[in-house]
Structure formats: C-alpha cells, structure tokens
Amino acid sequence: MSLDKIVSISGKPGLYHLRAQTRSGFIAESLADGKKMPVGLRHNVSVLSEISIYTLDGESPLREVFAKISAKENGGKAIDHKSSKDELEAYFFEILPNFDEDRVYPSDIKKVIQWYNLLQQNDLLGEKETENSEDSTEDSKPKAAVKAEPKTVKSANPQSKVAKSSTAKKGASAKSTAARKK
C-alpha cells in the first residue's frame, strides 16, 4: 500500500486518489464511487502518508496503525466505524494500546477505522505495504520537512553592498533609485 497518493480533503467525505496535477490544483478520484473532481489549492488536503497518531511514547505513523489493524483482522474488514464510542475505543486499545487518550479523540478513531475499511475495500492494503514500510522506516524524514536556505540576490547597483533575500515581496524591484536615474 502506498499512501503517498491517497489524500483526505477537508469538507469532503471519504478518501481520494491523486490522478493528475493541473495549473490550479489537481484531479482527485474518489475511492468510494470513482468520480473524478478538480481540487483547488485553497482546499485543505492531508496526505495519508504524513498523518500520525499520538501515542504516549511519541507518534505512530498511520501506515503502521493500518498494518496493525490488518494483522488483527487477517487482512479483512475492521469493526464498523458507526459503532459506539466505547466499542471504537476498546477496539483501538487492542490495536494501539499506548495511544494518547487526551489527544486522540473518538472522531479521530472513527476516521482511522473508516479509512482502513475504505482502503481494504478498494484492495489498497496489499502485501506491498510491508515491503514499503520497511524501506520507509530507514528514511524517516519526510521530504516536505527539508527546507532550503534562502538565496541571496545582489542589488543591481554595484555600489550597494546589501544583498536582498529571495523572500522579498513579489513585484518589488531589485533596482535601487540610483540605478533608475542613470
């Protein structure tokens, strides 16, 4: 299972598979009904591979939680996400006994179980996951967390020694007033 292309879009039910990138966002295909829809850059999108569950020891990636559910259910469907709060919490304690009860809400548990069942229904929880999860544990740093140093751009005025940061406002001119008068 590769969770890199599976996303959750706020305000939209279910999970979506990223299909293509567009100028203003991307095209997502619903895992529930297969309908494709454009998603703009203003939507809040969460990639499942970047989501973790709070535990008393730190955080547990969602990929590992899904693997534990799959092992418990022998690759089958999990408990219904519409079960009572107490049933969901008892089930989650069996899977992840050290999850942080103060920071993981019943709605979070419900969502994780619903996502697992949706992925399992679409056959996205295959044996490929165990191979991928072993490889991904070696590289535990997410790619998005790497930050590049800001580049500096020298002013057009050779007499000016001040370098300007690339994070300057858009539309701001790098030329000084002395360079414009020449």
C-alpha atoms as a PDB file:
ATOM      1  CA  MET A   1       0.000   0.000   0.000  1.00  0.00           C
ATOM      2  CA  SER A   2       1.346   3.359  -0.950  1.00  0.00           C
ATOM      3  CA  LEU A   3      -0.310   6.143   0.996  1.00  0.00           C
ATOM      4  CA  ASP A   4       1.659   8.805  -0.875  1.00  0.00           C
ATOM      5  CA  LYS A   5      -1.110   9.378  -3.447  1.00  0.00           C
ATOM      6  CA  ILE A   6      -4.085   8.875  -1.102  1.00  0.00           C
ATOM      7  CA  VAL A   7      -5.478  12.083   0.402  1.00  0.00           C
ATOM      8  CA  SER A   8      -8.228  13.348   2.635  1.00  0.00           C
ATOM      9  CA  ILE A   9      -9.851  16.617   1.605  1.00  0.00           C
ATOM     10  CA  SER A  10     -11.444  18.726   4.329  1.00  0.00           C
ATOM     11  CA  GLY A  11     -15.138  19.246   3.776  1.00  0.00           C
ATOM     12  CA  LYS A  12     -15.367  16.192   1.512  1.00  0.00           C
ATOM     13  CA  PRO A  13     -16.250  12.716   2.792  1.00  0.00           C
ATOM     14  CA  GLY A  14     -14.011   9.709   2.223  1.00  0.00           C
ATOM     15  CA  LEU A  15     -10.593   9.351   0.656  1.00  0.00           C
ATOM     16  CA  TYR A  16      -9.305  10.360  -2.756  1.00  0.00           C
ATOM     17  CA  HIS A  17      -6.551   9.164  -5.065  1.00  0.00           C
ATOM     18  CA  LEU A  18      -4.425  11.844  -6.758  1.00  0.00           C
ATOM     19  CA  ARG A  19      -4.659  11.333 -10.513  1.00  0.00           C
ATOM     20  CA  ALA A  20      -3.142  14.390 -12.213  1.00  0.00           C
ATOM     21  CA  GLN A  21      -1.801  17.835 -11.470  1.00  0.00           C
ATOM     22  CA  THR A  22      -3.365  20.917 -13.018  1.00  0.00           C
ATOM     23  CA  ARG A  23      -2.422  24.590 -13.054  1.00  0.00           C
ATOM     24  CA  SER A  24      -4.749  25.439 -10.222  1.00  0.00           C
ATOM     25  CA  GLY A  25      -4.551  22.234  -8.166  1.00  0.00           C
ATOM     26  CA  PHE A  26      -5.059  18.584  -9.040  1.00  0.00           C
ATOM     27  CA  ILE A  27      -7.591  15.985 -10.131  1.00  0.00           C
ATOM     28  CA  ALA A  28      -8.744  13.596  -7.405  1.00  0.00           C
ATOM     29  CA  GLU A  29     -10.687  10.373  -7.837  1.00  0.00           C
ATOM     30  CA  SER A  30     -12.991   9.266  -5.032  1.00  0.00           C
ATOM     31  CA  LEU A  31     -12.249   5.811  -3.645  1.00  0.00           C
ATOM     32  CA  ALA A  32     -15.912   5.416  -2.682  1.00  0.00           C
ATOM     33  CA  ASP A  33     -17.615   5.970  -6.046  1.00  0.00           C
ATOM     34  CA  GLY A  34     -14.797   6.546  -8.569  1.00  0.00           C
ATOM     35  CA  LYS A  35     -15.923  10.047  -9.524  1.00  0.00           C
ATOM     36  CA  LYS A  36     -13.201  12.476 -10.520  1.00  0.00           C
ATOM     37  CA  MET A  37     -13.213  16.074  -9.358  1.00  0.00           C
ATOM     38  CA  PRO A  38     -10.903  19.067  -9.554  1.00  0.00           C
ATOM     39  CA  VAL A  39      -9.425  20.203  -6.252  1.00  0.00           C
ATOM     40  CA  GLY A  40      -8.131  23.757  -5.983  1.00  0.00           C
ATOM     41  CA  LEU A  41      -5.177  24.920  -3.980  1.00  0.00           C
ATOM     42  CA  ARG A  42      -7.464  26.532  -1.422  1.00  0.00           C
ATOM     43  CA  HIS A  43      -8.720  23.179  -0.124  1.00  0.00           C
ATOM     44  CA  ASN A  44      -7.046  21.704   2.930  1.00  0.00           C
ATOM     45  CA  VAL A  45      -5.582  18.403   1.777  1.00  0.00           C
ATOM     46  CA  SER A  46      -3.881  15.837   4.021  1.00  0.00           C
ATOM     47  CA  VAL A  47      -1.741  13.082   2.520  1.00  0.00           C
ATOM     48  CA  LEU A  48      -2.229   9.857   4.483  1.00  0.00           C
ATOM     49  CA  SER A  49       1.495   9.068   4.480  1.00  0.00           C
ATOM     50  CA  GLU A  50       2.103  12.249   6.519  1.00  0.00           C
ATOM     51  CA  ILE A  51      -0.528  11.553   9.207  1.00  0.00           C
ATOM     52  CA  SER A  52       0.456  10.096  12.595  1.00  0.00           C
ATOM     53  CA  ILE A  53      -1.446   9.030  15.697  1.00  0.00           C
ATOM     54  CA  TYR A  54      -0.333  10.447  19.043  1.00  0.00           C
ATOM     55  CA  THR A  55       0.963   7.831  21.481  1.00  0.00           C
ATOM     56  CA  LEU A  56       2.370   8.120  24.978  1.00  0.00           C
ATOM     57  CA  ASP A  57       5.833   7.428  23.515  1.00  0.00           C
ATOM     58  CA  GLY A  58       5.601   9.919  20.635  1.00  0.00           C
ATOM     59  CA  GLU A  59       3.775   9.384  17.355  1.00  0.00           C
ATOM     60  CA  SER A  60       2.879   6.307  15.334  1.00  0.00           C
ATOM     61  CA  PRO A  61       2.539   6.714  11.547  1.00  0.00           C
ATOM     62  CA  LEU A  62      -0.848   5.882  10.091  1.00  0.00           C
ATOM     63  CA  ARG A  63       0.815   3.265   7.879  1.00  0.00           C
ATOM     64  CA  GLU A  64       1.829   1.283  10.981  1.00  0.00           C
ATOM     65  CA  VAL A  65      -1.656   1.608  12.511  1.00  0.00           C
ATOM     66  CA  PHE A  66      -3.193   0.241   9.297  1.00  0.00           C
ATOM     67  CA  ALA A  67      -0.686  -2.636   9.331  1.00  0.00           C
ATOM     68  CA  LYS A  68      -1.680  -3.491  12.920  1.00  0.00           C
ATOM     69  CA  ILE A  69      -5.378  -3.427  12.051  1.00  0.00           C
ATOM     70  CA  SER A  70      -4.702  -5.624   9.030  1.00  0.00           C
ATOM     71  CA  ALA A  71      -2.736  -8.105  11.165  1.00  0.00           C
ATOM     72  CA  LYS A  72      -5.526  -8.230  13.758  1.00  0.00           C
ATOM     73  CA  GLU A  73      -8.228  -8.745  11.109  1.00  0.00           C
ATOM     74  CA  ASN A  74      -6.090 -11.052   8.892  1.00  0.00           C
ATOM     75  CA  GLY A  75      -6.439  -8.574   6.023  1.00  0.00           C
ATOM     76  CA  GLY A  76     -10.211  -8.383   6.440  1.00  0.00           C
ATOM     77  CA  LYS A  77     -12.620  -5.602   7.274  1.00  0.00           C
ATOM     78  CA  ALA A  78     -12.361  -3.892  10.673  1.00  0.00           C
ATOM     79  CA  ILE A  79     -15.173  -3.005  13.057  1.00  0.00           C
ATOM     80  CA  ASP A  80     -17.850  -0.685  11.670  1.00  0.00           C
ATOM     81  CA  HIS A  81     -16.922   2.984  12.124  1.00  0.00           C
ATOM     82  CA  LYS A  82     -20.508   3.727  13.168  1.00  0.00           C
ATOM     83  CA  SER A  83     -20.136   1.638  16.332  1.00  0.00           C
ATOM     84  CA  SER A  84     -20.445   3.268  19.738  1.00  0.00           C
ATOM     85  CA  LYS A  85     -17.664   5.412  21.164  1.00  0.00           C
ATOM     86  CA  ASP A  86     -16.817   2.797  23.815  1.00  0.00           C
ATOM     87  CA  GLU A  87     -16.594  -0.034  21.255  1.00  0.00           C
ATOM     88  CA  LEU A  88     -14.343   2.044  18.998  1.00  0.00           C
ATOM     89  CA  GLU A  89     -12.014   2.988  21.872  1.00  0.00           C
ATOM     90  CA  ALA A  90     -11.825  -0.645  23.096  1.00  0.00           C
ATOM     91  CA  TYR A  91     -11.011  -1.802  19.550  1.00  0.00           C
ATOM     92  CA  PHE A  92      -8.349   0.897  19.163  1.00  0.00           C
ATOM     93  CA  PHE A  93      -6.792  -0.075  22.518  1.00  0.00           C
ATOM     94  CA  GLU A  94      -6.337  -3.616  21.159  1.00  0.00           C
ATOM     95  CA  ILE A  95      -4.544  -2.247  18.111  1.00  0.00           C
ATOM     96  CA  LEU A  96      -2.560   0.600  19.656  1.00  0.00           C
ATOM     97  CA  PRO A  97      -2.541   0.136  23.452  1.00  0.00           C
ATOM     98  CA  ASN A  98      -0.391   3.200  24.123  1.00  0.00           C
ATOM     99  CA  PHE A  99      -2.354   5.815  22.140  1.00  0.00           C
ATOM    100  CA  ASP A 100      -2.781   9.140  23.930  1.00  0.00           C
ATOM    101  CA  GLU A 101      -6.411   9.329  25.057  1.00  0.00           C
ATOM    102  CA  ASP A 102      -6.162  13.071  25.708  1.00  0.00           C
ATOM    103  CA  ARG A 103      -5.058  13.959  22.177  1.00  0.00           C
ATOM    104  CA  VAL A 104      -6.745  11.236  20.089  1.00  0.00           C
ATOM    105  CA  TYR A 105     -10.481  11.899  20.033  1.00  0.00           C
ATOM    106  CA  PRO A 106     -13.228   9.373  19.282  1.00  0.00           C
ATOM    107  CA  SER A 107     -13.833  11.184  15.974  1.00  0.00           C
ATOM    108  CA  ASP A 108     -10.176  10.521  15.045  1.00  0.00           C
ATOM    109  CA  ILE A 109     -10.559   6.816  15.840  1.00  0.00           C
ATOM    110  CA  LYS A 110     -13.751   6.700  13.801  1.00  0.00           C
ATOM    111  CA  LYS A 111     -11.996   8.331  10.855  1.00  0.00           C
ATOM    112  CA  VAL A 112      -8.987   5.958  11.006  1.00  0.00           C
ATOM    113  CA  ILE A 113     -11.238   2.886  11.053  1.00  0.00           C
ATOM    114  CA  GLN A 114     -13.387   4.283   8.244  1.00  0.00           C
ATOM    115  CA  TRP A 115     -10.269   4.982   6.167  1.00  0.00           C
ATOM    116  CA  TYR A 116      -8.915   1.489   6.823  1.00  0.00           C
ATOM    117  CA  ASN A 117     -12.185  -0.116   5.700  1.00  0.00           C
ATOM    118  CA  LEU A 118     -12.278   2.053   2.565  1.00  0.00           C
ATOM    119  CA  LEU A 119      -8.676   1.183   1.664  1.00  0.00           C
ATOM    120  CA  GLN A 120      -9.307  -2.501   2.372  1.00  0.00           C
ATOM    121  CA  GLN A 121     -12.473  -2.461   0.246  1.00  0.00           C
ATOM    122  CA  ASN A 122     -10.512  -0.975  -2.680  1.00  0.00           C
ATOM    123  CA  ASP A 123      -7.699  -3.529  -2.246  1.00  0.00           C
ATOM    124  CA  LEU A 124      -5.107  -0.868  -1.406  1.00  0.00           C
ATOM    125  CA  LEU A 125      -3.846  -2.686   1.709  1.00  0.00           C
ATOM    126  CA  GLY A 126      -1.853  -5.323  -0.151  1.00  0.00           C
ATOM    127  CA  GLU A 127       1.351  -7.120   0.745  1.00  0.00           C
ATOM    128  CA  LYS A 128       3.313  -4.358  -0.975  1.00  0.00           C
ATOM    129  CA  GLU A 129       2.823  -2.313   2.211  1.00  0.00           C
ATOM    130  CA  THR A 130       5.037  -4.486   4.374  1.00  0.00           C
ATOM    131  CA  GLU A 131       7.891  -4.138   1.894  1.00  0.00           C
ATOM    132  CA  ASN A 132       7.357  -0.386   1.535  1.00  0.00           C
ATOM    133  CA  SER A 133       7.041   0.221   5.269  1.00  0.00           C
ATOM    134  CA  GLU A 134      10.401  -1.484   5.910  1.00  0.00           C
ATOM    135  CA  ASP A 135      12.027   0.722   3.290  1.00  0.00           C
ATOM    136  CA  SER A 136      10.322   3.852   4.585  1.00  0.00           C
ATOM    137  CA  THR A 137      11.481   3.305   8.167  1.00  0.00           C
ATOM    138  CA  GLU A 138      15.062   3.756   7.006  1.00  0.00           C
ATOM    139  CA  ASP A 139      14.225   7.207   5.630  1.00  0.00           C
ATOM    140  CA  SER A 140      12.086   8.575   8.439  1.00  0.00           C
ATOM    141  CA  LYS A 141      12.391  12.244   7.439  1.00  0.00           C
ATOM    142  CA  PRO A 142       9.502  13.463   5.293  1.00  0.00           C
ATOM    143  CA  LYS A 143      10.554  15.111   2.050  1.00  0.00           C
ATOM    144  CA  ALA A 144       8.491  18.206   2.766  1.00  0.00           C
ATOM    145  CA  ALA A 145      10.336  18.848   6.026  1.00  0.00           C
ATOM    146  CA  VAL A 146      13.613  19.628   4.269  1.00  0.00           C
ATOM    147  CA  LYS A 147      13.989  23.383   3.989  1.00  0.00           C
ATOM    148  CA  ALA A 148      16.339  25.077   1.581  1.00  0.00           C
ATOM    149  CA  GLU A 149      18.402  28.064   2.656  1.00  0.00           C
ATOM    150  CA  PRO A 150      17.109  31.344   1.213  1.00  0.00           C
ATOM    151  CA  LYS A 151      19.118  32.507  -1.772  1.00  0.00           C
ATOM    152  CA  THR A 152      20.541  35.988  -1.822  1.00  0.00           C
ATOM    153  CA  VAL A 153      20.389  38.225  -4.860  1.00  0.00           C
ATOM    154  CA  LYS A 154      22.785  41.117  -5.251  1.00  0.00           C
ATOM    155  CA  SER A 155      21.391  44.544  -5.936  1.00  0.00           C
ATOM    156  CA  ALA A 156      21.613  45.953  -9.451  1.00  0.00           C
ATOM    157  CA  ASN A 157      23.515  48.927  -8.045  1.00  0.00           C
ATOM    158  CA  PRO A 158      27.195  47.907  -7.866  1.00  0.00           C
ATOM    159  CA  GLN A 159      27.834  50.475  -5.112  1.00  0.00           C
ATOM    160  CA  SER A 160      25.273  48.856  -2.820  1.00  0.00           C
ATOM    161  CA  LYS A 161      26.739  46.042  -0.677  1.00  0.00           C
ATOM    162  CA  VAL A 162      23.380  44.898   0.753  1.00  0.00           C
ATOM    163  CA  ALA A 163      22.142  41.567  -0.579  1.00  0.00           C
ATOM    164  CA  LYS A 164      18.415  41.073  -0.940  1.00  0.00           C
ATOM    165  CA  SER A 165      16.689  37.896   0.140  1.00  0.00           C
ATOM    166  CA  SER A 166      14.688  35.845  -2.357  1.00  0.00           C
ATOM    167  CA  THR A 167      11.803  36.039   0.076  1.00  0.00           C
ATOM    168  CA  ALA A 168      11.232  39.683  -0.824  1.00  0.00           C
ATOM    169  CA  LYS A 169       7.712  40.742  -1.759  1.00  0.00           C
ATOM    170  CA  LYS A 170       6.533  39.939  -5.250  1.00  0.00           C
ATOM    171  CA  GLY A 171       6.663  42.854  -7.587  1.00  0.00           C
ATOM    172  CA  ALA A 172       9.365  44.599  -5.582  1.00  0.00           C
ATOM    173  CA  SER A 173      12.149  45.854  -7.765  1.00  0.00           C
ATOM    174  CA  ALA A 174      15.711  44.808  -7.033  1.00  0.00           C
ATOM    175  CA  LYS A 175      16.980  48.030  -8.603  1.00  0.00           C
ATOM    176  CA  SER A 176      17.808  50.995  -6.438  1.00  0.00           C
ATOM    177  CA  THR A 177      16.711  54.543  -7.195  1.00  0.00           C
ATOM    178  CA  ALA A 178      20.282  55.441  -8.158  1.00  0.00           C
ATOM    179  CA  ALA A 179      20.261  52.778 -10.887  1.00  0.00           C
ATOM    180  CA  ARG A 180      16.984  54.128 -12.322  1.00  0.00           C
ATOM    181  CA  LYS A 181      18.366  57.686 -12.699  1.00  0.00           C
ATOM    182  CA  LYS A 182      21.227  56.598 -14.963  1.00  0.00           C
END
